[in-house]
Amino acid sequence: MTRETVNAICKALPGAQWSDPWGGGHDAWKVGGKMFATIGAVQDGVSVKTPSIEDAALLIDLGRAEKAPYFHRSWVRLDWTTLPEDELRVRIETSYRIILNSLPKKVQREINAPPA
Protein backbone atom coordinates (compact mmCIF):
# COMPACT_ATOMS: atom_id res chain seq x y z
CA MET A 1 0.00 0.00 0.00
CA THR A 2 1.18 3.51 -0.75
CA ARG A 3 0.28 7.10 0.04
CA GLU A 4 -1.37 7.29 -3.39
CA THR A 5 -3.60 4.29 -2.60
CA VAL A 6 -4.69 5.80 0.72
CA ASN A 7 -5.40 9.14 -0.97
CA ALA A 8 -7.45 7.33 -3.65
CA ILE A 9 -9.54 5.58 -0.96
CA CYS A 10 -10.21 8.91 0.76
CA LYS A 11 -10.91 10.79 -2.46
CA ALA A 12 -13.59 8.28 -3.48
CA LEU A 13 -15.72 9.00 -0.39
CA PRO A 14 -18.69 11.37 -0.96
CA GLY A 15 -17.88 14.96 -0.04
CA ALA A 16 -14.23 14.20 0.83
CA GLN A 17 -11.90 17.14 0.36
CA TRP A 18 -8.11 17.27 0.50
CA SER A 19 -6.03 19.98 2.13
CA ASP A 20 -2.53 20.58 3.49
CA PRO A 21 -3.40 22.67 6.56
CA TRP A 22 0.07 22.62 8.14
CA GLY A 23 2.09 22.92 4.96
CA GLY A 24 5.08 20.77 4.20
CA GLY A 25 3.31 17.97 2.33
CA HIS A 26 0.64 16.69 4.71
CA ASP A 27 -2.48 15.08 3.27
CA ALA A 28 -5.52 15.94 5.40
CA TRP A 29 -8.87 14.54 4.30
CA LYS A 30 -12.04 16.25 5.51
CA VAL A 31 -15.76 15.85 5.15
CA GLY A 32 -17.97 18.82 6.00
CA GLY A 33 -14.84 20.69 7.10
CA LYS A 34 -13.88 18.07 9.72
CA MET A 35 -10.86 15.82 9.34
CA PHE A 36 -11.32 12.04 9.06
CA ALA A 37 -7.84 10.99 7.88
CA THR A 38 -4.39 12.49 7.67
CA ILE A 39 -0.99 11.47 6.40
CA GLY A 40 2.15 13.12 7.74
CA ALA A 41 4.73 14.63 5.45
CA VAL A 42 7.24 11.80 5.84
CA GLN A 43 5.25 8.93 7.38
CA ASP A 44 4.25 5.56 5.96
CA GLY A 45 0.90 5.56 7.70
CA VAL A 46 -2.45 7.26 8.00
CA SER A 47 -4.11 8.55 11.16
CA VAL A 48 -7.85 7.93 11.55
CA LYS A 49 -10.55 8.36 14.18
CA THR A 50 -11.96 5.33 15.97
CA PRO A 51 -15.38 5.05 17.61
CA SER A 52 -13.92 5.51 21.10
CA ILE A 53 -10.79 5.75 23.23
CA GLU A 54 -11.35 2.09 24.15
CA ASP A 55 -11.43 1.03 20.50
CA ALA A 56 -8.20 2.91 19.88
CA ALA A 57 -6.57 1.28 22.91
CA LEU A 58 -7.67 -2.17 21.75
CA LEU A 59 -6.22 -1.65 18.26
CA ILE A 60 -2.96 -0.47 19.83
CA ASP A 61 -2.89 -3.43 22.26
CA LEU A 62 -3.50 -5.84 19.37
CA GLY A 63 -0.63 -4.32 17.41
CA ARG A 64 -2.95 -3.18 14.59
CA ALA A 65 -2.25 0.51 15.22
CA GLU A 66 -0.22 2.92 17.29
CA LYS A 67 -1.07 6.15 19.07
CA ALA A 68 -1.54 8.94 16.57
CA PRO A 69 0.92 11.71 17.44
CA TYR A 70 -0.68 15.09 18.23
CA PHE A 71 -4.25 13.71 18.11
CA HIS A 72 -6.92 12.86 20.65
CA ARG A 73 -6.70 9.38 22.18
CA SER A 74 -9.56 8.17 19.98
CA TRP A 75 -7.28 8.55 16.93
CA VAL A 76 -4.76 5.91 15.83
CA ARG A 77 -2.01 5.74 13.24
CA LEU A 78 -2.20 2.80 10.84
CA ASP A 79 0.98 1.57 9.17
CA TRP A 80 0.09 0.88 5.54
CA THR A 81 3.18 -1.28 5.08
CA THR A 82 1.88 -3.90 7.53
CA LEU A 83 -1.93 -3.78 7.37
CA PRO A 84 -3.84 -5.48 4.55
CA GLU A 85 -5.50 -3.05 2.15
CA ASP A 86 -9.02 -4.26 3.00
CA GLU A 87 -8.49 -3.59 6.73
CA LEU A 88 -7.00 -0.19 6.04
CA ARG A 89 -9.95 0.66 3.79
CA VAL A 90 -12.45 -0.37 6.49
CA ARG A 91 -10.69 1.75 9.13
CA ILE A 92 -10.60 4.81 6.84
CA GLU A 93 -14.28 4.37 5.92
CA THR A 94 -15.19 3.93 9.59
CA SER A 95 -13.42 7.18 10.47
CA TYR A 96 -15.22 8.90 7.60
CA ARG A 97 -18.63 7.66 8.82
CA ILE A 98 -17.90 8.74 12.41
CA ILE A 99 -17.13 12.28 11.23
CA LEU A 100 -19.99 12.35 8.69
CA ASN A 101 -22.50 11.24 11.33
CA SER A 102 -21.32 14.01 13.69
CA LEU A 103 -22.19 16.70 11.15
CA PRO A 104 -25.54 18.53 11.19
CA LYS A 105 -28.27 16.61 9.34
CA LYS A 106 -28.56 19.33 6.71
CA VAL A 107 -24.85 19.05 5.88
CA GLN A 108 -25.14 15.25 5.77
CA ARG A 109 -28.01 15.51 3.28
CA GLU A 110 -26.04 17.93 1.09
CA ILE A 111 -23.04 15.60 1.04
CA ASN A 112 -25.11 12.56 0.22
CA ALA A 113 -27.20 14.36 -2.40
CA PRO A 114 -26.78 13.04 -5.94
CA PRO A 115 -24.98 15.42 -8.31
CA ALA A 116 -27.21 17.96 -10.03
C-alpha atoms as a PDB file:
ATOM      1  CA  MET A   1       0.000   0.000   0.000  1.00  0.00           C
ATOM      2  CA  THR A   2       1.182   3.511  -0.751  1.00  0.00           C
ATOM      3  CA  ARG A   3       0.276   7.101   0.041  1.00  0.00           C
ATOM      4  CA  GLU A   4      -1.367   7.288  -3.393  1.00  0.00           C
ATOM      5  CA  THR A   5      -3.601   4.291  -2.604  1.00  0.00           C
ATOM      6  CA  VAL A   6      -4.690   5.804   0.716  1.00  0.00           C
ATOM      7  CA  ASN A   7      -5.404   9.136  -0.974  1.00  0.00           C
ATOM      8  CA  ALA A   8      -7.453   7.332  -3.653  1.00  0.00           C
ATOM      9  CA  ILE A   9      -9.540   5.583  -0.964  1.00  0.00           C
ATOM     10  CA  CYS A  10     -10.208   8.908   0.762  1.00  0.00           C
ATOM     11  CA  LYS A  11     -10.907  10.792  -2.462  1.00  0.00           C
ATOM     12  CA  ALA A  12     -13.593   8.279  -3.477  1.00  0.00           C
ATOM     13  CA  LEU A  13     -15.724   9.003  -0.388  1.00  0.00           C
ATOM     14  CA  PRO A  14     -18.691  11.367  -0.960  1.00  0.00           C
ATOM     15  CA  GLY A  15     -17.877  14.959  -0.036  1.00  0.00           C
ATOM     16  CA  ALA A  16     -14.234  14.203   0.827  1.00  0.00           C
ATOM     17  CA  GLN A  17     -11.898  17.141   0.362  1.00  0.00           C
ATOM     18  CA  TRP A  18      -8.108  17.266   0.495  1.00  0.00           C
ATOM     19  CA  SER A  19      -6.032  19.981   2.130  1.00  0.00           C
ATOM     20  CA  ASP A  20      -2.529  20.580   3.494  1.00  0.00           C
ATOM     21  CA  PRO A  21      -3.396  22.672   6.564  1.00  0.00           C
ATOM     22  CA  TRP A  22       0.073  22.622   8.144  1.00  0.00           C
ATOM     23  CA  GLY A  23       2.094  22.922   4.961  1.00  0.00           C
ATOM     24  CA  GLY A  24       5.077  20.768   4.196  1.00  0.00           C
ATOM     25  CA  GLY A  25       3.312  17.973   2.329  1.00  0.00           C
ATOM     26  CA  HIS A  26       0.640  16.694   4.705  1.00  0.00           C
ATOM     27  CA  ASP A  27      -2.482  15.084   3.267  1.00  0.00           C
ATOM     28  CA  ALA A  28      -5.516  15.941   5.398  1.00  0.00           C
ATOM     29  CA  TRP A  29      -8.873  14.543   4.301  1.00  0.00           C
ATOM     30  CA  LYS A  30     -12.036  16.249   5.514  1.00  0.00           C
ATOM     31  CA  VAL A  31     -15.762  15.853   5.147  1.00  0.00           C
ATOM     32  CA  GLY A  32     -17.969  18.821   6.002  1.00  0.00           C
ATOM     33  CA  GLY A  33     -14.844  20.686   7.099  1.00  0.00           C
ATOM     34  CA  LYS A  34     -13.882  18.071   9.724  1.00  0.00           C
ATOM     35  CA  MET A  35     -10.859  15.818   9.342  1.00  0.00           C
ATOM     36  CA  PHE A  36     -11.320  12.040   9.062  1.00  0.00           C
ATOM     37  CA  ALA A  37      -7.845  10.990   7.877  1.00  0.00           C
ATOM     38  CA  THR A  38      -4.386  12.494   7.674  1.00  0.00           C
ATOM     39  CA  ILE A  39      -0.987  11.466   6.402  1.00  0.00           C
ATOM     40  CA  GLY A  40       2.150  13.122   7.740  1.00  0.00           C
ATOM     41  CA  ALA A  41       4.731  14.632   5.445  1.00  0.00           C
ATOM     42  CA  VAL A  42       7.236  11.796   5.844  1.00  0.00           C
ATOM     43  CA  GLN A  43       5.252   8.929   7.379  1.00  0.00           C
ATOM     44  CA  ASP A  44       4.249   5.562   5.964  1.00  0.00           C
ATOM     45  CA  GLY A  45       0.905   5.562   7.701  1.00  0.00           C
ATOM     46  CA  VAL A  46      -2.449   7.264   8.005  1.00  0.00           C
ATOM     47  CA  SER A  47      -4.114   8.555  11.161  1.00  0.00           C
ATOM     48  CA  VAL A  48      -7.846   7.933  11.552  1.00  0.00           C
ATOM     49  CA  LYS A  49     -10.552   8.363  14.180  1.00  0.00           C
ATOM     50  CA  THR A  50     -11.957   5.326  15.973  1.00  0.00           C
ATOM     51  CA  PRO A  51     -15.385   5.051  17.611  1.00  0.00           C
ATOM     52  CA  SER A  52     -13.917   5.513  21.103  1.00  0.00           C
ATOM     53  CA  ILE A  53     -10.785   5.747  23.229  1.00  0.00           C
ATOM     54  CA  GLU A  54     -11.352   2.091  24.153  1.00  0.00           C
ATOM     55  CA  ASP A  55     -11.433   1.031  20.495  1.00  0.00           C
ATOM     56  CA  ALA A  56      -8.195   2.907  19.875  1.00  0.00           C
ATOM     57  CA  ALA A  57      -6.567   1.276  22.912  1.00  0.00           C
ATOM     58  CA  LEU A  58      -7.673  -2.167  21.746  1.00  0.00           C
ATOM     59  CA  LEU A  59      -6.223  -1.650  18.264  1.00  0.00           C
ATOM     60  CA  ILE A  60      -2.963  -0.465  19.834  1.00  0.00           C
ATOM     61  CA  ASP A  61      -2.886  -3.431  22.257  1.00  0.00           C
ATOM     62  CA  LEU A  62      -3.497  -5.845  19.371  1.00  0.00           C
ATOM     63  CA  GLY A  63      -0.632  -4.317  17.405  1.00  0.00           C
ATOM     64  CA  ARG A  64      -2.950  -3.185  14.592  1.00  0.00           C
ATOM     65  CA  ALA A  65      -2.254   0.514  15.220  1.00  0.00           C
ATOM     66  CA  GLU A  66      -0.216   2.921  17.285  1.00  0.00           C
ATOM     67  CA  LYS A  67      -1.066   6.147  19.075  1.00  0.00           C
ATOM     68  CA  ALA A  68      -1.538   8.944  16.566  1.00  0.00           C
ATOM     69  CA  PRO A  69       0.923  11.708  17.438  1.00  0.00           C
ATOM     70  CA  TYR A  70      -0.681  15.090  18.229  1.00  0.00           C
ATOM     71  CA  PHE A  71      -4.246  13.708  18.106  1.00  0.00           C
ATOM     72  CA  HIS A  72      -6.916  12.862  20.654  1.00  0.00           C
ATOM     73  CA  ARG A  73      -6.695   9.380  22.181  1.00  0.00           C
ATOM     74  CA  SER A  74      -9.560   8.175  19.977  1.00  0.00           C
ATOM     75  CA  TRP A  75      -7.281   8.547  16.931  1.00  0.00           C
ATOM     76  CA  VAL A  76      -4.762   5.913  15.831  1.00  0.00           C
ATOM     77  CA  ARG A  77      -2.008   5.736  13.244  1.00  0.00           C
ATOM     78  CA  LEU A  78      -2.200   2.797  10.841  1.00  0.00           C
ATOM     79  CA  ASP A  79       0.981   1.571   9.175  1.00  0.00           C
ATOM     80  CA  TRP A  80       0.089   0.881   5.542  1.00  0.00           C
ATOM     81  CA  THR A  81       3.183  -1.279   5.077  1.00  0.00           C
ATOM     82  CA  THR A  82       1.875  -3.904   7.527  1.00  0.00           C
ATOM     83  CA  LEU A  83      -1.928  -3.778   7.365  1.00  0.00           C
ATOM     84  CA  PRO A  84      -3.839  -5.481   4.552  1.00  0.00           C
ATOM     85  CA  GLU A  85      -5.503  -3.049   2.150  1.00  0.00           C
ATOM     86  CA  ASP A  86      -9.021  -4.264   3.001  1.00  0.00           C
ATOM     87  CA  GLU A  87      -8.495  -3.594   6.733  1.00  0.00           C
ATOM     88  CA  LEU A  88      -6.996  -0.192   6.041  1.00  0.00           C
ATOM     89  CA  ARG A  89      -9.950   0.663   3.790  1.00  0.00           C
ATOM     90  CA  VAL A  90     -12.449  -0.371   6.490  1.00  0.00           C
ATOM     91  CA  ARG A  91     -10.691   1.745   9.128  1.00  0.00           C
ATOM     92  CA  ILE A  92     -10.602   4.812   6.836  1.00  0.00           C
ATOM     93  CA  GLU A  93     -14.276   4.369   5.919  1.00  0.00           C
ATOM     94  CA  THR A  94     -15.193   3.933   9.590  1.00  0.00           C
ATOM     95  CA  SER A  95     -13.417   7.178  10.472  1.00  0.00           C
ATOM     96  CA  TYR A  96     -15.218   8.899   7.604  1.00  0.00           C
ATOM     97  CA  ARG A  97     -18.631   7.657   8.823  1.00  0.00           C
ATOM     98  CA  ILE A  98     -17.898   8.742  12.411  1.00  0.00           C
ATOM     99  CA  ILE A  99     -17.135  12.278  11.231  1.00  0.00           C
ATOM    100  CA  LEU A 100     -19.988  12.351   8.691  1.00  0.00           C
ATOM    101  CA  ASN A 101     -22.496  11.243  11.333  1.00  0.00           C
ATOM    102  CA  SER A 102     -21.318  14.007  13.689  1.00  0.00           C
ATOM    103  CA  LEU A 103     -22.193  16.704  11.149  1.00  0.00           C
ATOM    104  CA  PRO A 104     -25.540  18.525  11.186  1.00  0.00           C
ATOM    105  CA  LYS A 105     -28.268  16.609   9.340  1.00  0.00           C
ATOM    106  CA  LYS A 106     -28.563  19.333   6.707  1.00  0.00           C
ATOM    107  CA  VAL A 107     -24.849  19.051   5.877  1.00  0.00           C
ATOM    108  CA  GLN A 108     -25.141  15.248   5.768  1.00  0.00           C
ATOM    109  CA  ARG A 109     -28.011  15.507   3.279  1.00  0.00           C
ATOM    110  CA  GLU A 110     -26.040  17.930   1.092  1.00  0.00           C
ATOM    111  CA  ILE A 111     -23.035  15.598   1.041  1.00  0.00           C
ATOM    112  CA  ASN A 112     -25.115  12.555   0.224  1.00  0.00           C
ATOM    113  CA  ALA A 113     -27.200  14.360  -2.404  1.00  0.00           C
ATOM    114  CA  PRO A 114     -26.777  13.036  -5.944  1.00  0.00           C
ATOM    115  CA  PRO A 115     -24.979  15.418  -8.309  1.00  0.00           C
ATOM    116  CA  ALA A 116     -27.213  17.964 -10.029  1.00  0.00           C
END
